Amino acid sequence: MIVRYESGERCPPLDILLKLADFFGVSLDYLVGRTDRPEINRSADSPETDDPDPRR
């Protein structure tokens, strides 16, 4: 299936793009070629933080 994405025959849906970005540890912008920087930019008020318990 990935070969169809690479050849341009099909476009992956957003949920697949997000899973791929998470798997490779890169930002979605990097994955789709919008930036050369693979770093993920997470803001302080993002729901995903280093603290697994947001009530603290």
N, C-alpha and C. Protein backbone atom coordinates (compact mmCIF):
# COMPACT_ATOMS: atom_id res chain seq x y z
N MET A 1 0.83 -1.19 0.00
CA MET A 1 0.00 0.00 0.00
C MET A 1 0.87 1.25 0.00
N ILE A 2 1.99 1.25 0.71
CA ILE A 2 2.85 2.43 0.76
C ILE A 2 3.37 2.79 -0.62
N VAL A 3 3.61 1.79 -1.45
CA VAL A 3 4.10 2.07 -2.80
C VAL A 3 3.09 2.92 -3.57
N ARG A 4 1.82 2.78 -3.30
CA ARG A 4 0.81 3.62 -3.97
C ARG A 4 0.91 5.07 -3.51
N TYR A 5 1.27 5.27 -2.25
CA TYR A 5 1.47 6.64 -1.75
C TYR A 5 2.72 7.24 -2.40
N GLU A 6 3.79 6.44 -2.45
CA GLU A 6 5.05 6.92 -3.01
C GLU A 6 4.93 7.24 -4.49
N SER A 7 4.15 6.47 -5.21
CA SER A 7 4.01 6.68 -6.65
C SER A 7 3.02 7.78 -7.00
N GLY A 8 2.28 8.27 -6.00
CA GLY A 8 1.29 9.31 -6.24
C GLY A 8 -0.05 8.77 -6.71
N GLU A 9 -0.17 7.45 -6.74
CA GLU A 9 -1.42 6.83 -7.16
C GLU A 9 -2.54 7.08 -6.15
N ARG A 10 -2.18 7.12 -4.87
CA ARG A 10 -3.16 7.39 -3.81
C ARG A 10 -2.54 8.35 -2.80
N CYS A 11 -3.39 9.04 -2.05
CA CYS A 11 -2.96 9.92 -0.97
C CYS A 11 -3.39 9.29 0.35
N PRO A 12 -2.47 9.21 1.33
CA PRO A 12 -2.86 8.63 2.61
C PRO A 12 -3.81 9.54 3.37
N PRO A 13 -4.79 8.96 4.06
CA PRO A 13 -5.70 9.78 4.88
C PRO A 13 -4.95 10.35 6.09
N LEU A 14 -5.53 11.39 6.67
CA LEU A 14 -4.90 12.09 7.78
C LEU A 14 -4.54 11.17 8.94
N ASP A 15 -5.42 10.24 9.30
CA ASP A 15 -5.12 9.36 10.43
C ASP A 15 -3.88 8.51 10.17
N ILE A 16 -3.67 8.11 8.94
CA ILE A 16 -2.47 7.34 8.59
C ILE A 16 -1.24 8.24 8.63
N LEU A 17 -1.35 9.46 8.13
CA LEU A 17 -0.23 10.39 8.19
C LEU A 17 0.20 10.65 9.63
N LEU A 18 -0.78 10.84 10.51
CA LEU A 18 -0.46 11.07 11.93
C LEU A 18 0.23 9.87 12.55
N LYS A 19 -0.23 8.67 12.22
CA LYS A 19 0.42 7.46 12.74
C LYS A 19 1.84 7.32 12.23
N LEU A 20 2.05 7.63 10.96
CA LEU A 20 3.40 7.57 10.40
C LEU A 20 4.32 8.58 11.07
N ALA A 21 3.83 9.80 11.26
CA ALA A 21 4.64 10.84 11.91
C ALA A 21 4.99 10.41 13.33
N ASP A 22 4.03 9.85 14.06
CA ASP A 22 4.30 9.37 15.42
C ASP A 22 5.31 8.22 15.39
N PHE A 23 5.15 7.31 14.46
CA PHE A 23 6.05 6.16 14.37
C PHE A 23 7.49 6.60 14.14
N PHE A 24 7.67 7.55 13.23
CA PHE A 24 9.02 8.02 12.90
C PHE A 24 9.52 9.12 13.84
N GLY A 25 8.65 9.62 14.72
CA GLY A 25 9.06 10.64 15.68
C GLY A 25 9.34 11.98 15.04
N VAL A 26 8.60 12.31 14.00
CA VAL A 26 8.79 13.58 13.30
C VAL A 26 7.47 14.33 13.25
N SER A 27 7.54 15.61 12.90
CA SER A 27 6.32 16.40 12.77
C SER A 27 5.60 16.03 11.47
N LEU A 28 4.32 16.32 11.44
CA LEU A 28 3.54 16.08 10.22
C LEU A 28 4.04 16.97 9.08
N ASP A 29 4.42 18.20 9.40
CA ASP A 29 4.97 19.10 8.37
C ASP A 29 6.23 18.51 7.74
N TYR A 30 7.10 17.92 8.55
CA TYR A 30 8.31 17.29 8.03
C TYR A 30 7.95 16.09 7.16
N LEU A 31 7.02 15.29 7.62
CA LEU A 31 6.62 14.09 6.90
C LEU A 31 6.09 14.42 5.50
N VAL A 32 5.34 15.50 5.38
CA VAL A 32 4.76 15.85 4.08
C VAL A 32 5.61 16.85 3.29
N GLY A 33 6.79 17.19 3.80
CA GLY A 33 7.72 18.02 3.05
C GLY A 33 7.52 19.52 3.17
N ARG A 34 6.81 19.96 4.21
CA ARG A 34 6.59 21.41 4.37
C ARG A 34 7.72 22.10 5.12
N THR A 35 8.60 21.31 5.73
CA THR A 35 9.75 21.86 6.46
C THR A 35 10.90 20.87 6.38
N ASP A 36 12.11 21.38 6.60
CA ASP A 36 13.30 20.53 6.64
C ASP A 36 13.65 20.14 8.07
N ARG A 37 12.87 20.64 9.04
CA ARG A 37 13.15 20.37 10.46
C ARG A 37 12.23 19.27 10.97
N PRO A 38 12.78 18.12 11.37
CA PRO A 38 11.94 17.01 11.81
C PRO A 38 11.39 17.16 13.23
N GLU A 39 11.85 18.17 13.98
CA GLU A 39 11.43 18.32 15.38
C GLU A 39 9.93 18.54 15.49
N ILE A 40 9.37 17.98 16.55
CA ILE A 40 7.95 18.17 16.84
C ILE A 40 7.83 19.36 17.76
N ASN A 41 7.04 20.35 17.39
CA ASN A 41 6.86 21.57 18.18
C ASN A 41 5.62 21.40 19.05
N ARG A 42 5.84 21.13 20.34
CA ARG A 42 4.72 20.97 21.27
C ARG A 42 4.69 22.18 22.20
N SER A 43 3.55 22.82 22.28
CA SER A 43 3.41 23.97 23.17
C SER A 43 3.11 23.51 24.58
N ALA A 44 3.28 24.41 25.55
CA ALA A 44 3.06 24.08 26.96
C ALA A 44 1.61 23.74 27.25
N ASP A 45 0.68 24.31 26.50
CA ASP A 45 -0.72 24.04 26.76
C ASP A 45 -1.27 22.90 25.89
N SER A 46 -0.36 22.17 25.26
CA SER A 46 -0.76 21.02 24.46
C SER A 46 -1.24 19.90 25.37
N PRO A 47 -2.25 19.14 24.97
CA PRO A 47 -2.74 18.05 25.81
C PRO A 47 -1.72 16.94 25.99
N GLU A 48 -0.75 16.83 25.09
CA GLU A 48 0.27 15.80 25.21
C GLU A 48 1.50 16.41 25.86
N THR A 49 1.74 16.09 27.12
CA THR A 49 2.89 16.62 27.84
C THR A 49 3.70 15.47 28.43
N ASP A 50 4.82 15.79 29.04
CA ASP A 50 5.65 14.76 29.66
C ASP A 50 4.99 14.18 30.89
N ASP A 51 4.10 14.93 31.54
CA ASP A 51 3.44 14.47 32.75
C ASP A 51 2.22 13.63 32.38
N PRO A 52 2.24 12.33 32.72
CA PRO A 52 1.11 11.47 32.33
C PRO A 52 -0.17 11.79 33.11
N ASP A 53 -0.08 12.51 34.23
CA ASP A 53 -1.23 12.86 35.01
C ASP A 53 -1.44 14.37 34.98
N PRO A 54 -2.33 14.89 34.11
CA PRO A 54 -2.49 16.34 33.96
C PRO A 54 -3.11 17.02 35.17
N ARG A 55 -3.58 16.26 36.17
CA ARG A 55 -4.21 16.87 37.35
C ARG A 55 -3.18 17.44 38.32
N ARG A 56 -1.91 17.12 38.12
CA ARG A 56 -0.87 17.60 39.03
C ARG A 56 -0.45 18.99 38.72
